[in-house]
């Protein structure tokens, strides 16, 4: 079985401004990602988005 590469992105952004969390979540969902909250952390599952992109290219 060939190896599968699973990209994991993680970035911390520091700012003095109040972030627009609801807008960010809405935009991620609009792109087809599954967004959930776990332990006060936003979790974004891009696997669904990646699948949609592949289907569109075919």
PDB file of N, CA and C in Angstrom:
ATOM      1  N   UNK A   1       0.856  -1.182   0.000  1.00  0.00           N
ATOM      2  CA  UNK A   1       0.000   0.000   0.000  1.00  0.00           C
ATOM      3  C   UNK A   1       0.896   1.238   0.000  1.00  0.00           C
ATOM      4  N   UNK A   2       0.686   2.148  -0.956  1.00  0.00           N
ATOM      5  CA  UNK A   2       1.520   3.359  -1.004  1.00  0.00           C
ATOM      6  C   UNK A   2       1.230   4.288   0.173  1.00  0.00           C
ATOM      7  N   UNK A   3       2.258   5.012   0.551  1.00  0.00           N
ATOM      8  CA  UNK A   3       2.093   5.968   1.646  1.00  0.00           C
ATOM      9  C   UNK A   3       1.198   7.116   1.216  1.00  0.00           C
ATOM     10  N   UNK A   4       0.432   7.623   2.152  1.00  0.00           N
ATOM     11  CA  UNK A   4      -0.411   8.782   1.881  1.00  0.00           C
ATOM     12  C   UNK A   4       0.114   9.950   2.705  1.00  0.00           C
ATOM     13  N   UNK A   5       0.295  11.076   2.079  1.00  0.00           N
ATOM     14  CA  UNK A   5       0.758  12.279   2.754  1.00  0.00           C
ATOM     15  C   UNK A   5      -0.462  13.047   3.253  1.00  0.00           C
ATOM     16  N   UNK A   6      -0.470  13.345   4.530  1.00  0.00           N
ATOM     17  CA  UNK A   6      -1.568  14.098   5.131  1.00  0.00           C
ATOM     18  C   UNK A   6      -1.005  15.427   5.624  1.00  0.00           C
ATOM     19  N   UNK A   7      -1.307  16.521   4.923  1.00  0.00           N
ATOM     20  CA  UNK A   7      -0.791  17.823   5.364  1.00  0.00           C
ATOM     21  C   UNK A   7      -1.538  18.319   6.598  1.00  0.00           C
ATOM     22  N   UNK A   8      -0.801  18.816   7.549  1.00  0.00           N
ATOM     23  CA  UNK A   8      -1.387  19.384   8.758  1.00  0.00           C
ATOM     24  C   UNK A   8      -0.885  20.813   8.878  1.00  0.00           C
ATOM     25  N   UNK A   9      -1.815  21.736   8.968  1.00  0.00           N
ATOM     26  CA  UNK A   9      -1.469  23.149   9.062  1.00  0.00           C
ATOM     27  C   UNK A   9      -1.811  23.655  10.454  1.00  0.00           C
ATOM     28  N   UNK A  10      -0.908  24.360  11.052  1.00  0.00           N
ATOM     29  CA  UNK A  10      -1.163  24.938  12.362  1.00  0.00           C
ATOM     30  C   UNK A  10      -0.426  26.264  12.436  1.00  0.00           C
ATOM     31  N   UNK A  11      -1.137  27.293  12.816  1.00  0.00           N
ATOM     32  CA  UNK A  11      -0.511  28.603  12.897  1.00  0.00           C
ATOM     33  C   UNK A  11      -1.167  29.397  14.015  1.00  0.00           C
ATOM     34  N   UNK A  12      -0.372  30.044  14.809  1.00  0.00           N
ATOM     35  CA  UNK A  12      -0.864  30.915  15.870  1.00  0.00           C
ATOM     36  C   UNK A  12      -0.639  32.353  15.438  1.00  0.00           C
ATOM     37  N   UNK A  13      -1.683  33.139  15.513  1.00  0.00           N
ATOM     38  CA  UNK A  13      -1.605  34.544  15.122  1.00  0.00           C
ATOM     39  C   UNK A  13      -1.832  35.399  16.360  1.00  0.00           C
ATOM     40  N   UNK A  14      -0.913  36.306  16.641  1.00  0.00           N
ATOM     41  CA  UNK A  14      -1.059  37.210  17.777  1.00  0.00           C
ATOM     42  C   UNK A  14      -1.460  38.586  17.262  1.00  0.00           C
ATOM     43  N   UNK A  15      -2.475  39.159  17.879  1.00  0.00           N
ATOM     44  CA  UNK A  15      -2.953  40.471  17.458  1.00  0.00           C
ATOM     45  C   UNK A  15      -3.608  41.178  18.636  1.00  0.00           C
ATOM     46  N   UNK A  16      -3.654  42.494  18.576  1.00  0.00           N
ATOM     47  CA  UNK A  16      -4.343  43.273  19.601  1.00  0.00           C
ATOM     48  C   UNK A  16      -5.804  43.496  19.244  1.00  0.00           C
ATOM     49  N   UNK A  17      -6.173  43.152  18.005  1.00  0.00           N
ATOM     50  CA  UNK A  17      -7.540  43.364  17.542  1.00  0.00           C
ATOM     51  C   UNK A  17      -8.414  42.157  17.863  1.00  0.00           C
ATOM     52  N   UNK A  18      -9.708  42.399  18.065  1.00  0.00           N
ATOM     53  CA  UNK A  18     -10.652  41.311  18.285  1.00  0.00           C
ATOM     54  C   UNK A  18     -10.898  40.614  16.945  1.00  0.00           C
ATOM     55  N   UNK A  19     -10.615  39.319  16.853  1.00  0.00           N
ATOM     56  CA  UNK A  19     -10.804  38.630  15.575  1.00  0.00           C
ATOM     57  C   UNK A  19     -12.281  38.399  15.262  1.00  0.00           C
ATOM     58  N   UNK A  20     -12.594  38.324  13.981  1.00  0.00           N
ATOM     59  CA  UNK A  20     -13.955  38.045  13.528  1.00  0.00           C
ATOM     60  C   UNK A  20     -14.104  36.529  13.388  1.00  0.00           C
ATOM     61  N   UNK A  21     -14.296  35.861  14.525  1.00  0.00           N
ATOM     62  CA  UNK A  21     -14.361  34.403  14.547  1.00  0.00           C
ATOM     63  C   UNK A  21     -15.553  33.885  13.756  1.00  0.00           C
ATOM     64  N   UNK A  22     -16.714  34.486  13.948  1.00  0.00           N
ATOM     65  CA  UNK A  22     -17.907  33.992  13.254  1.00  0.00           C
ATOM     66  C   UNK A  22     -17.764  34.136  11.739  1.00  0.00           C
ATOM     67  N   UNK A  23     -17.163  35.228  11.289  1.00  0.00           N
ATOM     68  CA  UNK A  23     -16.928  35.420   9.859  1.00  0.00           C
ATOM     69  C   UNK A  23     -15.944  34.401   9.307  1.00  0.00           C
ATOM     70  N   UNK A  24     -14.899  34.122  10.086  1.00  0.00           N
ATOM     71  CA  UNK A  24     -13.905  33.133   9.681  1.00  0.00           C
ATOM     72  C   UNK A  24     -14.539  31.751   9.536  1.00  0.00           C
ATOM     73  N   UNK A  25     -15.329  31.357  10.550  1.00  0.00           N
ATOM     74  CA  UNK A  25     -15.989  30.048  10.520  1.00  0.00           C
ATOM     75  C   UNK A  25     -16.948  29.965   9.336  1.00  0.00           C
ATOM     76  N   UNK A  26     -17.701  31.017   9.101  1.00  0.00           N
ATOM     77  CA  UNK A  26     -18.646  31.045   7.984  1.00  0.00           C
ATOM     78  C   UNK A  26     -17.911  30.914   6.643  1.00  0.00           C
ATOM     79  N   UNK A  27     -16.784  31.599   6.494  1.00  0.00           N
ATOM     80  CA  UNK A  27     -16.000  31.511   5.261  1.00  0.00           C
ATOM     81  C   UNK A  27     -15.442  30.104   5.049  1.00  0.00           C
ATOM     82  N   UNK A  28     -14.956  29.481   6.125  1.00  0.00           N
ATOM     83  CA  UNK A  28     -14.428  28.121   6.016  1.00  0.00           C
ATOM     84  C   UNK A  28     -15.527  27.151   5.595  1.00  0.00           C
ATOM     85  N   UNK A  29     -16.696  27.284   6.191  1.00  0.00           N
ATOM     86  CA  UNK A  29     -17.830  26.429   5.813  1.00  0.00           C
ATOM     87  C   UNK A  29     -18.248  26.704   4.371  1.00  0.00           C
ATOM     88  N   UNK A  30     -18.178  27.962   3.959  1.00  0.00           N
ATOM     89  CA  UNK A  30     -18.514  28.324   2.592  1.00  0.00           C
ATOM     90  C   UNK A  30     -17.589  27.671   1.574  1.00  0.00           C
ATOM     91  N   UNK A  31     -16.348  27.392   1.979  1.00  0.00           N
ATOM     92  CA  UNK A  31     -15.395  26.716   1.099  1.00  0.00           C
ATOM     93  C   UNK A  31     -15.533  25.202   1.170  1.00  0.00           C
ATOM     94  N   UNK A  32     -16.469  24.702   1.985  1.00  0.00           N
ATOM     95  CA  UNK A  32     -16.705  23.265   2.056  1.00  0.00           C
ATOM     96  C   UNK A  32     -15.999  22.561   3.189  1.00  0.00           C
ATOM     97  N   UNK A  33     -15.334  23.292   4.066  1.00  0.00           N
ATOM     98  CA  UNK A  33     -14.646  22.671   5.191  1.00  0.00           C
ATOM     99  C   UNK A  33     -15.626  22.407   6.329  1.00  0.00           C
ATOM    100  N   UNK A  34     -15.332  21.376   7.110  1.00  0.00           N
ATOM    101  CA  UNK A  34     -16.130  21.085   8.303  1.00  0.00           C
ATOM    102  C   UNK A  34     -15.450  21.795   9.474  1.00  0.00           C
ATOM    103  N   UNK A  35     -16.191  22.620  10.180  1.00  0.00           N
ATOM    104  CA  UNK A  35     -15.632  23.400  11.283  1.00  0.00           C
ATOM    105  C   UNK A  35     -16.303  22.976  12.579  1.00  0.00           C
ATOM    106  N   UNK A  36     -15.491  22.702  13.612  1.00  0.00           N
ATOM    107  CA  UNK A  36     -16.035  22.349  14.920  1.00  0.00           C
ATOM    108  C   UNK A  36     -15.165  22.983  16.000  1.00  0.00           C
ATOM    109  N   UNK A  37     -15.656  22.942  17.217  1.00  0.00           N
ATOM    110  CA  UNK A  37     -14.917  23.491  18.356  1.00  0.00           C
ATOM    111  C   UNK A  37     -14.614  22.360  19.332  1.00  0.00           C
ATOM    112  N   UNK A  38     -13.366  22.295  19.797  1.00  0.00           N
ATOM    113  CA  UNK A  38     -12.959  21.318  20.800  1.00  0.00           C
ATOM    114  C   UNK A  38     -12.057  22.026  21.798  1.00  0.00           C
ATOM    115  N   UNK A  39     -12.444  21.998  23.046  1.00  0.00           N
ATOM    116  CA  UNK A  39     -11.630  22.599  24.113  1.00  0.00           C
ATOM    117  C   UNK A  39     -11.211  24.026  23.782  1.00  0.00           C
ATOM    118  N   UNK A  40     -12.176  24.846  23.368  1.00  0.00           N
ATOM    119  CA  UNK A  40     -11.965  26.254  23.035  1.00  0.00           C
ATOM    120  C   UNK A  40     -10.988  26.446  21.875  1.00  0.00           C
ATOM    121  N   UNK A  41     -10.872  25.433  21.019  1.00  0.00           N
ATOM    122  CA  UNK A  41     -10.009  25.491  19.847  1.00  0.00           C
ATOM    123  C   UNK A  41     -10.861  25.241  18.613  1.00  0.00           C
ATOM    124  N   UNK A  42     -10.660  26.018  17.571  1.00  0.00           N
ATOM    125  CA  UNK A  42     -11.384  25.812  16.319  1.00  0.00           C
ATOM    126  C   UNK A  42     -10.668  24.721  15.532  1.00  0.00           C
ATOM    127  N   UNK A  43     -11.411  23.693  15.148  1.00  0.00           N
ATOM    128  CA  UNK A  43     -10.868  22.585  14.368  1.00  0.00           C
ATOM    129  C   UNK A  43     -11.481  22.650  12.974  1.00  0.00           C
ATOM    130  N   UNK A  44     -10.638  22.713  11.956  1.00  0.00           N
ATOM    131  CA  UNK A  44     -11.103  22.820  10.572  1.00  0.00           C
ATOM    132  C   UNK A  44     -10.684  21.562   9.820  1.00  0.00           C
ATOM    133  N   UNK A  45     -11.665  20.834   9.299  1.00  0.00           N
ATOM    134  CA  UNK A  45     -11.412  19.618   8.533  1.00  0.00           C
ATOM    135  C   UNK A  45     -11.521  19.966   7.053  1.00  0.00           C
ATOM    136  N   UNK A  46     -10.383  20.013   6.380  1.00  0.00           N
ATOM    137  CA  UNK A  46     -10.360  20.373   4.965  1.00  0.00           C
ATOM    138  C   UNK A  46     -10.498  19.162   4.055  1.00  0.00           C
ATOM    139  N   UNK A  47     -10.628  17.963   4.609  1.00  0.00           N
ATOM    140  CA  UNK A  47     -10.727  16.753   3.793  1.00  0.00           C
ATOM    141  C   UNK A  47     -11.926  16.822   2.865  1.00  0.00           C
ATOM    142  N   UNK A  48     -13.046  17.330   3.346  1.00  0.00           N
ATOM    143  CA  UNK A  48     -14.237  17.447   2.505  1.00  0.00           C
ATOM    144  C   UNK A  48     -13.976  18.441   1.379  1.00  0.00           C
ATOM    145  N   UNK A  49     -13.286  19.528   1.683  1.00  0.00           N
ATOM    146  CA  UNK A  49     -12.956  20.536   0.666  1.00  0.00           C
ATOM    147  C   UNK A  49     -12.045  19.923  -0.394  1.00  0.00           C
ATOM    148  N   UNK A  50     -11.060  19.157   0.041  1.00  0.00           N
ATOM    149  CA  UNK A  50     -10.115  18.526  -0.880  1.00  0.00           C
ATOM    150  C   UNK A  50     -10.852  17.563  -1.813  1.00  0.00           C
ATOM    151  N   UNK A  51     -11.815  16.818  -1.288  1.00  0.00           N
ATOM    152  CA  UNK A  51     -12.597  15.885  -2.094  1.00  0.00           C
ATOM    153  C   UNK A  51     -13.407  16.639  -3.150  1.00  0.00           C
ATOM    154  N   UNK A  52     -14.006  17.754  -2.775  1.00  0.00           N
ATOM    155  CA  UNK A  52     -14.792  18.541  -3.717  1.00  0.00           C
ATOM    156  C   UNK A  52     -13.909  19.103  -4.825  1.00  0.00           C
ATOM    157  N   UNK A  53     -12.710  19.521  -4.484  1.00  0.00           N
ATOM    158  CA  UNK A  53     -11.783  20.066  -5.481  1.00  0.00           C
ATOM    159  C   UNK A  53     -11.407  18.979  -6.477  1.00  0.00           C
ATOM    160  N   UNK A  54     -11.120  17.762  -5.987  1.00  0.00           N
ATOM    161  CA  UNK A  54     -10.777  16.659  -6.872  1.00  0.00           C
ATOM    162  C   UNK A  54     -11.929  16.327  -7.815  1.00  0.00           C
ATOM    163  N   UNK A  55     -13.159  16.292  -7.286  1.00  0.00           N
ATOM    164  CA  UNK A  55     -14.321  15.972  -8.109  1.00  0.00           C
ATOM    165  C   UNK A  55     -14.549  17.044  -9.176  1.00  0.00           C
ATOM    166  N   UNK A  56     -14.284  18.293  -8.839  1.00  0.00           N
ATOM    167  CA  UNK A  56     -14.463  19.394  -9.782  1.00  0.00           C
ATOM    168  C   UNK A  56     -13.451  19.301 -10.926  1.00  0.00           C
ATOM    169  N   UNK A  57     -12.230  18.884 -10.624  1.00  0.00           N
ATOM    170  CA  UNK A  57     -11.172  18.807 -11.633  1.00  0.00           C
ATOM    171  C   UNK A  57     -11.391  17.659 -12.613  1.00  0.00           C
ATOM    172  N   UNK A  58     -12.138  16.635 -12.237  1.00  0.00           N
ATOM    173  CA  UNK A  58     -12.335  15.460 -13.108  1.00  0.00           C
ATOM    174  C   UNK A  58     -13.288  15.716 -14.217  1.00  0.00           C
TER     175      UNK A  58
END
